Each structure stands twice: as C-alpha cells, then as structure tokens.
C-alpha cells in the first residue's frame, strides 16, 4: 500500500509565500513513479495546468509550490494516484482529467464508498469508475436489476455499462449480453441505406462494438456473436421476447418513444440485469413526440429495485473542451427558456 510522508515541520501545506511543500511517496519504486508522472512528466504538467501549481520531482521526492488550497489538493491527488498505481491501476490523461474534476469540488475517491467499490475486471484489463457519480452508477448496476444512467455525452454511461456486462458474462453471472439501440433515422430512411438489415443498423451500434472490442478483443467478440452469446440488435427486435439470465443495455434511450420504453422494460426476465442510458438534451424524435427516457424517469424514479444515476457536465471524461461545450449549451438553453417565459402574455 502506498503512503506519503511530509518532510515539512508542519502537517499542513505552507501558506503562499512560505516554504515549498515537500512530499515523499512510498514505496520508492521507479516503475510506479514513472507511471504516476507519465511520459515526459505529462501527468504532472496536466496537474500543474489545471491547479495552477508548480511540481518538481526527483525520484520519490516531490516539491509543490502555489496557493495553499491548490497545493493541498495537488498533494492529496498525487498520494491518491500513487496508491492506485501501486495497486495496478494505470493513470491516463482521461482518468486524470476526471480526478481533477472532482478533486476541487467533491474530494478524491478515498472515502468509504469508494474503497467498497471493486475494480471492474475484463479480459483486456481493469476498469475503475472515476468520480462519485460513476462509482454510484456501477454500485447501482451491481445492486439493482434495472438501472438508468442519464446525462451528457462523454460521462462513461455506455462504456461502464458494457464493462459491467462483460464482467458479469466472464464471471458466469449471466449467459449472454444484449446490446440494443433505437434506430432513429437522421435524414435518410433506413430502407434506402445500402446492404441487408444487419448492415443498415450497424452504424447505430458501432459505439457498442468498439467498447466490446476493447474489453474482449476482436476475435472473442466475433466468436461470441456467432454463438449468440453477444447479440447486438435494434430495439424493434425486442418485441415479443422474454430475456432471462441476460445483461441487456439499451443505449441512446432518449430516442425511444413511451411505447417502446414500456415494451423494452417489460422484456426483462429472471436473472437479468438491464441498463438504460441516454442524454435527454439530444433527442432526435419527431417534434411533439415525448421521449420514453424522460417519461420513464418521471414515473419510475421512486420505484423500489430501479436505480437512477444522474450525470452532470463535471463528469465528462472526454477532451476538457467537451465539458465547456456542454456547459455552454446548458447556459444557452436556460437563457432561451427564461426569455420565452418572459415573453408569454
């Protein structure tokens, strides 16, 4: 287990203008320290840029300078990341981005809830939920038979759901995985697209394929699809079926109608887990058609046994600009709503 010791005389980081804060990370392992710092210290530079601090390292000795609060946050973050690295959990620019998102507002993932949440194990590596909402999301998937993950693009809703499905399959908790999406047309009718039905709907399902390939490998996924252990299908194919001992993921659920959502939810059989993901701000249904996702959220949120996790723009794990884009659109929509309300007689 990694630990950190402070070489200063006091246990608190110095105030601005005081002595630099010195941090020692144990155990002194060159390989783990290299993983923490990143290639050419890229991870340290990312922390410096976001927290406006200066970090110098020499072996397992780190010197931090800057505003007291920022230095305290950076020090706690380095300790936390190093502890994870020593447990075999890698640091990536994406994971570090999300750690930084939560470091200043909600604290690091060092609380009781975080320690109780196990890493998701897949054939190609381990996946650790980042941030409180991702942790709550995975915990809900483990504990509830039906789960909703609602929020902006890039928050890991679909990726974590696929990871949990793969883990459940490998541990033989379920017999198969079903990945489902509504085939909402964007300009062209499906009938005019080239190829057979499978080729027509494949573009809608590509993000799910990509996640599976990353976690299981191309050959394994192809074999499982041939044997119907993994089934990828448009939502319309679910009508009339009862799905037992399966892990079912309905992605892009904001593009379901009320009738489609009810049909899907009533397909769930014994020994099955269902995860429904979507972003209520990206509905592509015809004008005047209510989204099945928003309708279900209104009537099912308080039903026992159904879990809801609401993601926010601070949970976005893509490029930092994505979070700013989401925030800008939310601000714009809020202003337009206010203007419309003022203009009403």
Protein backbone atom coordinates (compact mmCIF):
# COMPACT_ATOMS: atom_id res chain seq x y z
CA UNK A 1 0.00 0.00 0.00
CA UNK A 2 1.36 3.41 -0.90
CA UNK A 3 1.80 6.06 1.73
CA UNK A 4 3.06 9.60 1.74
CA UNK A 5 5.12 11.48 4.31
CA UNK A 6 5.56 15.23 4.64
CA UNK A 7 9.14 16.41 5.15
CA UNK A 8 8.00 19.81 6.42
CA UNK A 9 7.77 20.53 10.12
CA UNK A 10 4.02 21.08 9.90
CA UNK A 11 1.39 18.71 8.58
CA UNK A 12 -0.40 21.42 6.55
CA UNK A 13 0.87 22.85 3.26
CA UNK A 14 2.54 26.23 3.70
CA UNK A 15 0.68 29.44 3.00
CA UNK A 16 1.50 31.37 -0.18
CA UNK A 17 4.97 32.86 0.07
CA UNK A 18 6.08 30.24 2.62
CA UNK A 19 8.44 27.33 2.20
CA UNK A 20 7.73 24.87 -0.65
CA UNK A 21 5.70 21.82 0.30
CA UNK A 22 7.75 18.63 0.13
CA UNK A 23 6.12 15.25 -0.38
CA UNK A 24 7.69 11.78 -0.23
CA UNK A 25 5.85 8.88 -1.83
CA UNK A 26 6.50 5.37 -0.54
CA UNK A 27 7.46 2.76 -1.58
CA UNK A 28 10.27 4.19 -3.71
CA UNK A 29 9.61 2.22 -6.90
CA UNK A 30 10.96 3.64 -10.17
CA UNK A 31 8.43 1.84 -12.35
CA UNK A 32 5.44 3.03 -10.33
CA UNK A 33 6.79 6.57 -10.13
CA UNK A 34 7.25 6.66 -13.90
CA UNK A 35 3.63 5.56 -14.36
CA UNK A 36 2.50 8.28 -11.96
CA UNK A 37 4.42 11.08 -13.67
CA UNK A 38 3.67 9.95 -17.23
CA UNK A 39 5.87 10.17 -20.32
CA UNK A 40 8.00 13.33 -20.11
CA UNK A 41 6.10 14.14 -16.86
CA UNK A 42 2.92 14.72 -18.87
CA UNK A 43 0.67 13.85 -15.92
CA UNK A 44 2.46 16.31 -13.65
CA UNK A 45 2.15 19.03 -16.30
CA UNK A 46 -1.59 18.30 -16.55
CA UNK A 47 -1.97 18.74 -12.78
CA UNK A 48 0.10 21.93 -12.86
CA UNK A 49 -2.02 23.46 -15.61
CA UNK A 50 -5.37 22.65 -14.01
CA UNK A 51 -4.48 23.55 -10.41
CA UNK A 52 -2.04 26.40 -11.16
CA UNK A 53 0.76 24.90 -9.07
CA UNK A 54 4.41 24.09 -9.72
CA UNK A 55 5.58 20.49 -9.25
CA UNK A 56 9.20 19.34 -9.29
CA UNK A 57 10.15 15.70 -8.81
CA UNK A 58 13.37 13.86 -8.05
CA UNK A 59 12.84 10.16 -7.53
CA UNK A 60 10.07 9.79 -4.98
CA UNK A 61 10.61 13.33 -3.67
CA UNK A 62 8.14 15.96 -4.88
CA UNK A 63 8.23 19.71 -4.28
CA UNK A 64 4.99 21.68 -4.74
CA UNK A 65 4.54 25.45 -4.82
CA UNK A 66 1.47 27.62 -5.26
CA UNK A 67 -1.67 28.75 -3.46
CA UNK A 68 -2.22 26.83 -0.24
CA UNK A 69 -5.54 25.24 -1.27
CA UNK A 70 -4.21 24.25 -4.71
CA UNK A 71 -1.06 22.75 -3.20
CA UNK A 72 -3.12 20.76 -0.69
CA UNK A 73 -5.34 19.44 -3.50
CA UNK A 74 -2.34 18.55 -5.69
CA UNK A 75 -0.59 16.78 -2.81
CA UNK A 76 -3.68 14.71 -1.95
CA UNK A 77 -4.17 13.89 -5.63
CA UNK A 78 -0.57 12.67 -6.04
CA UNK A 79 -0.90 10.46 -2.95
CA UNK A 80 -4.17 9.03 -4.19
CA UNK A 81 -2.89 8.38 -7.72
CA UNK A 82 0.27 6.74 -6.46
CA UNK A 83 -1.72 4.44 -4.19
CA UNK A 84 -3.77 3.38 -7.24
CA UNK A 85 -0.66 2.88 -9.38
CA UNK A 86 0.81 0.61 -6.71
CA UNK A 87 -2.40 -1.45 -6.86
CA UNK A 88 -2.02 -1.91 -10.62
CA UNK A 89 -4.46 0.81 -11.73
CA UNK A 90 -2.97 2.90 -14.51
CA UNK A 91 -3.12 6.66 -14.93
CA UNK A 92 -4.32 8.05 -18.26
CA UNK A 93 -4.97 11.65 -19.34
CA UNK A 94 -8.70 10.83 -19.35
CA UNK A 95 -8.77 9.33 -15.84
CA UNK A 96 -6.60 12.16 -14.51
CA UNK A 97 -8.96 14.71 -16.07
CA UNK A 98 -11.90 13.27 -14.13
CA UNK A 99 -9.89 13.03 -10.91
CA UNK A 100 -9.08 16.72 -11.29
CA UNK A 101 -12.76 17.49 -11.93
CA UNK A 102 -13.70 16.04 -8.56
CA UNK A 103 -10.60 16.98 -6.59
CA UNK A 104 -11.73 20.56 -6.03
CA UNK A 105 -15.47 20.03 -5.57
CA UNK A 106 -16.21 16.62 -4.13
CA UNK A 107 -12.91 15.30 -2.84
CA UNK A 108 -10.93 12.35 -4.08
CA UNK A 109 -12.17 8.77 -4.24
CA UNK A 110 -10.75 7.84 -0.87
CA UNK A 111 -13.94 7.59 1.17
CA UNK A 112 -15.69 4.53 2.47
CA UNK A 113 -17.95 4.23 -0.59
CA UNK A 114 -15.00 4.32 -2.98
CA UNK A 115 -12.98 1.70 -1.13
CA UNK A 116 -16.00 -0.64 -1.13
CA UNK A 117 -16.33 -0.42 -4.91
CA UNK A 118 -14.27 -3.05 -6.68
CA UNK A 119 -12.46 -2.54 -9.94
CA UNK A 120 -14.30 -3.94 -12.99
CA UNK A 121 -12.26 -6.82 -14.39
CA UNK A 122 -12.33 -7.58 -18.10
CA UNK A 123 -10.19 -9.83 -20.27
CA UNK A 124 -8.16 -6.90 -21.62
CA UNK A 125 -7.60 -5.12 -18.30
CA UNK A 126 -9.19 -3.45 -15.31
CA UNK A 127 -11.57 -0.50 -15.34
CA UNK A 128 -12.09 1.70 -12.29
CA UNK A 129 -15.06 4.04 -12.01
CA UNK A 130 -13.88 7.62 -11.57
CA UNK A 131 -15.74 10.19 -9.52
CA UNK A 132 -18.72 9.78 -7.23
CA UNK A 133 -21.34 9.55 -9.95
CA UNK A 134 -19.50 6.81 -11.85
CA UNK A 135 -18.98 4.93 -8.59
CA UNK A 136 -22.66 5.27 -7.67
CA UNK A 137 -23.62 4.16 -11.19
CA UNK A 138 -21.61 0.93 -11.06
CA UNK A 139 -22.73 0.25 -7.49
CA UNK A 140 -26.34 0.63 -8.61
CA UNK A 141 -25.78 -1.77 -11.54
CA UNK A 142 -24.41 -4.34 -9.09
CA UNK A 143 -27.37 -3.94 -6.71
CA UNK A 144 -30.42 -3.29 -8.91
CA UNK A 145 -31.95 -5.32 -11.74
CA UNK A 146 -32.96 -2.22 -13.74
CA UNK A 147 -30.77 0.89 -13.88
CA UNK A 148 -30.95 4.25 -15.63
CA UNK A 149 -27.84 6.32 -16.39
CA UNK A 150 -28.88 9.78 -17.60
CA UNK A 151 -26.59 12.66 -18.50
CA UNK A 152 -24.39 14.38 -21.09
CA UNK A 153 -22.28 12.62 -23.70
CA UNK A 154 -18.83 11.59 -22.56
CA UNK A 155 -19.67 10.71 -18.95
CA UNK A 156 -18.95 6.98 -19.36
CA UNK A 157 -22.55 5.78 -19.14
CA UNK A 158 -22.40 3.29 -22.02
CA UNK A 159 -18.75 2.31 -21.54
CA UNK A 160 -19.20 1.39 -17.86
CA UNK A 161 -22.43 -0.47 -18.62
CA UNK A 162 -20.64 -2.58 -21.25
CA UNK A 163 -17.77 -3.18 -18.80
CA UNK A 164 -20.20 -4.43 -16.14
CA UNK A 165 -21.88 -6.65 -18.75
CA UNK A 166 -18.55 -8.16 -19.82
CA UNK A 167 -17.56 -8.76 -16.20
CA UNK A 168 -20.90 -10.46 -15.46
CA UNK A 169 -20.50 -12.70 -18.52
CA UNK A 170 -16.92 -13.70 -17.69
CA UNK A 171 -17.95 -14.49 -14.10
CA UNK A 172 -20.90 -16.55 -15.47
CA UNK A 173 -23.47 -14.41 -13.67
CA UNK A 174 -25.35 -14.11 -16.97
CA UNK A 175 -25.44 -16.32 -20.07
CA UNK A 176 -25.44 -13.61 -22.70
CA UNK A 177 -25.21 -9.90 -23.40
CA UNK A 178 -27.76 -7.98 -25.47
CA UNK A 179 -26.87 -4.51 -26.72
CA UNK A 180 -29.86 -2.56 -28.01
CA UNK A 181 -30.32 0.83 -29.64
CA UNK A 182 -33.29 2.55 -31.27
CA UNK A 183 -32.55 3.04 -35.00
CA UNK A 184 -33.67 6.65 -35.26
CA UNK A 185 -33.35 7.94 -38.80
CA UNK A 186 -31.31 11.10 -39.34
CA UNK A 187 -32.34 12.43 -42.73
CA UNK A 188 -32.36 9.17 -44.71
CA UNK A 189 -34.83 6.32 -44.45
CA UNK A 190 -33.29 3.00 -43.38
CA UNK A 191 -34.73 1.31 -46.44
CA UNK A 192 -32.62 3.47 -48.72
CA UNK A 193 -29.34 2.65 -46.94
CA UNK A 194 -27.18 0.02 -48.71
CA UNK A 195 -26.88 -3.59 -47.51
CA UNK A 196 -29.05 -6.04 -45.64
CA UNK A 197 -30.83 -5.22 -42.36
CA UNK A 198 -27.76 -6.01 -40.25
CA UNK A 199 -25.61 -3.67 -42.33
CA UNK A 200 -28.28 -0.96 -42.20
CA UNK A 201 -28.33 -0.82 -38.39
CA UNK A 202 -24.61 -1.45 -37.75
CA UNK A 203 -23.69 2.27 -37.82
CA UNK A 204 -26.14 2.92 -34.97
CA UNK A 205 -24.48 0.20 -32.88
CA UNK A 206 -20.82 0.97 -33.64
CA UNK A 207 -20.00 2.56 -30.22
CA UNK A 208 -21.14 -0.65 -28.52
CA UNK A 209 -18.99 -2.79 -30.80
CA UNK A 210 -15.97 -0.56 -30.11
CA UNK A 211 -16.34 -0.97 -26.34
CA UNK A 212 -16.63 -4.75 -26.68
CA UNK A 213 -13.55 -4.98 -28.90
CA UNK A 214 -11.55 -3.00 -26.36
CA UNK A 215 -12.58 -5.22 -23.44
CA UNK A 216 -12.66 -8.68 -25.03
CA UNK A 217 -10.72 -8.45 -28.27
CA UNK A 218 -11.96 -8.68 -31.85
CA UNK A 219 -11.72 -12.48 -32.21
CA UNK A 220 -13.54 -13.21 -28.94
CA UNK A 221 -16.34 -10.76 -29.75
CA UNK A 222 -16.75 -12.27 -33.24
CA UNK A 223 -16.93 -15.78 -31.76
CA UNK A 224 -19.47 -14.73 -29.12
CA UNK A 225 -21.64 -13.02 -31.75
CA UNK A 226 -21.58 -16.15 -33.93
CA UNK A 227 -22.71 -18.23 -30.95
CA UNK A 228 -25.34 -15.64 -29.93
CA UNK A 229 -23.63 -15.12 -26.57
CA UNK A 230 -23.45 -11.47 -27.57
CA UNK A 231 -26.37 -10.09 -29.54
CA UNK A 232 -26.47 -6.59 -30.97
CA UNK A 233 -29.87 -5.55 -32.30
CA UNK A 234 -32.18 -2.61 -32.96
CA UNK A 235 -34.88 -2.01 -30.36
CA UNK A 236 -37.67 -3.19 -32.68
CA UNK A 237 -36.25 -6.74 -32.48
CA UNK A 238 -37.06 -6.93 -28.75
CA UNK A 239 -40.83 -7.04 -29.17
CA UNK A 240 -42.37 -10.35 -28.06
CA UNK A 241 -39.23 -11.65 -26.36
CA UNK A 242 -38.58 -12.56 -22.72
CA UNK A 243 -34.92 -12.15 -21.75
CA UNK A 244 -33.78 -14.45 -18.94
CA UNK A 245 -30.24 -14.67 -17.48
CA UNK A 246 -29.10 -11.81 -19.70
CA UNK A 247 -27.38 -8.46 -19.33
CA UNK A 248 -29.29 -6.02 -21.53
CA UNK A 249 -28.11 -2.49 -22.35
CA UNK A 250 -30.43 -0.02 -24.06
CA UNK A 251 -28.25 2.82 -25.34
CA UNK A 252 -29.41 6.22 -26.66
CA UNK A 253 -32.68 5.67 -24.83
CA UNK A 254 -33.70 9.32 -25.25
CA UNK A 255 -34.72 8.31 -28.79
CA UNK A 256 -37.28 5.76 -27.66
CA UNK A 257 -40.97 6.56 -27.58
CA UNK A 258 -43.08 5.98 -24.47
CA UNK A 259 -44.48 2.77 -26.01
CA UNK A 260 -41.01 1.47 -26.96
CA UNK A 261 -39.63 2.10 -23.47
CA UNK A 262 -42.53 0.27 -21.83
CA UNK A 263 -42.10 -2.60 -24.29
CA UNK A 264 -38.38 -2.85 -23.50
CA UNK A 265 -38.76 -2.72 -19.72
CA UNK A 266 -41.36 -5.50 -19.78
CA UNK A 267 -38.95 -7.82 -21.64
CA UNK A 268 -36.82 -8.31 -18.51
CA UNK A 269 -36.87 -11.91 -17.25
CA UNK A 270 -35.42 -13.82 -14.30
CA UNK A 271 -31.72 -13.49 -13.57
CA UNK A 272 -31.35 -10.50 -15.87
CA UNK A 273 -29.93 -7.01 -15.45
CA UNK A 274 -30.96 -4.08 -17.64
CA UNK A 275 -29.13 -0.77 -18.00
CA UNK A 276 -30.77 2.13 -19.85
CA UNK A 277 -28.53 5.03 -20.86
CA UNK A 278 -29.31 8.32 -22.57
CA UNK A 279 -28.98 12.09 -22.76
CA UNK A 280 -32.25 13.97 -22.53
CA UNK A 281 -30.69 17.00 -24.27
CA UNK A 282 -30.04 15.07 -27.51
CA UNK A 283 -33.48 13.81 -28.51
CA UNK A 284 -33.85 13.12 -32.26
CA UNK A 285 -37.52 12.10 -32.21
CA UNK A 286 -40.07 13.92 -34.38
CA UNK A 287 -41.31 17.17 -32.91
CA UNK A 288 -44.15 16.62 -30.45
CA UNK A 289 -43.12 13.02 -29.58
CA UNK A 290 -42.30 12.55 -25.91
CA UNK A 291 -39.07 10.70 -25.14
CA UNK A 292 -39.54 7.34 -23.46
CA UNK A 293 -36.49 8.11 -21.31
CA UNK A 294 -37.85 11.29 -19.78
CA UNK A 295 -41.29 9.73 -19.37
CA UNK A 296 -39.83 6.69 -17.58
CA UNK A 297 -37.72 8.91 -15.33
CA UNK A 298 -40.83 10.79 -14.24
CA UNK A 299 -42.84 7.72 -13.26
CA UNK A 300 -40.19 5.16 -12.19
CA UNK A 301 -37.61 7.08 -10.18
CA UNK A 302 -39.19 6.16 -6.83
CA UNK A 303 -39.95 2.52 -7.71
CA UNK A 304 -38.01 0.14 -5.42
CA UNK A 305 -35.46 -2.01 -7.23
CA UNK A 306 -34.88 0.51 -10.04
CA UNK A 307 -31.71 2.60 -9.84
CA UNK A 308 -31.19 6.08 -11.29
CA UNK A 309 -27.84 7.85 -11.67
CA UNK A 310 -27.85 11.43 -12.90
CA UNK A 311 -24.61 12.60 -14.51
CA UNK A 312 -23.57 16.25 -14.84
CA UNK A 313 -21.17 18.08 -17.13
CA UNK A 314 -18.44 17.81 -14.47
CA UNK A 315 -18.48 14.03 -15.08
CA UNK A 316 -17.43 14.36 -18.74
CA UNK A 317 -14.26 12.31 -19.32
CA UNK A 318 -13.53 13.32 -22.90
CA UNK A 319 -11.43 16.29 -24.01
CA UNK A 320 -11.77 19.17 -21.48
CA UNK A 321 -13.39 21.27 -24.21
CA UNK A 322 -16.33 18.83 -24.27
CA UNK A 323 -17.26 19.81 -20.73
CA UNK A 324 -17.13 23.50 -21.66
CA UNK A 325 -19.27 22.86 -24.75
CA UNK A 326 -21.90 21.03 -22.66
CA UNK A 327 -21.91 23.86 -20.10
CA UNK A 328 -22.23 26.50 -22.84
CA UNK A 329 -25.22 24.73 -24.39
CA UNK A 330 -26.89 24.34 -20.98
CA UNK A 331 -26.39 28.04 -20.29
CA UNK A 332 -27.77 28.97 -23.72
CA UNK A 333 -30.83 26.74 -23.30
CA UNK A 334 -31.51 28.17 -19.85
CA UNK A 335 -31.38 31.75 -21.20
CA UNK A 336 -33.75 30.89 -24.05
CA UNK A 337 -36.20 29.25 -21.64
CA UNK A 338 -36.15 32.34 -19.42
CA UNK A 339 -36.70 34.63 -22.45
CA UNK A 340 -39.67 32.55 -23.62
CA UNK A 341 -41.27 32.63 -20.18
CA UNK A 342 -40.89 36.43 -20.02
CA UNK A 343 -42.43 36.83 -23.47
CA UNK A 344 -45.59 34.89 -22.57
CA UNK A 345 -48.68 37.11 -22.03
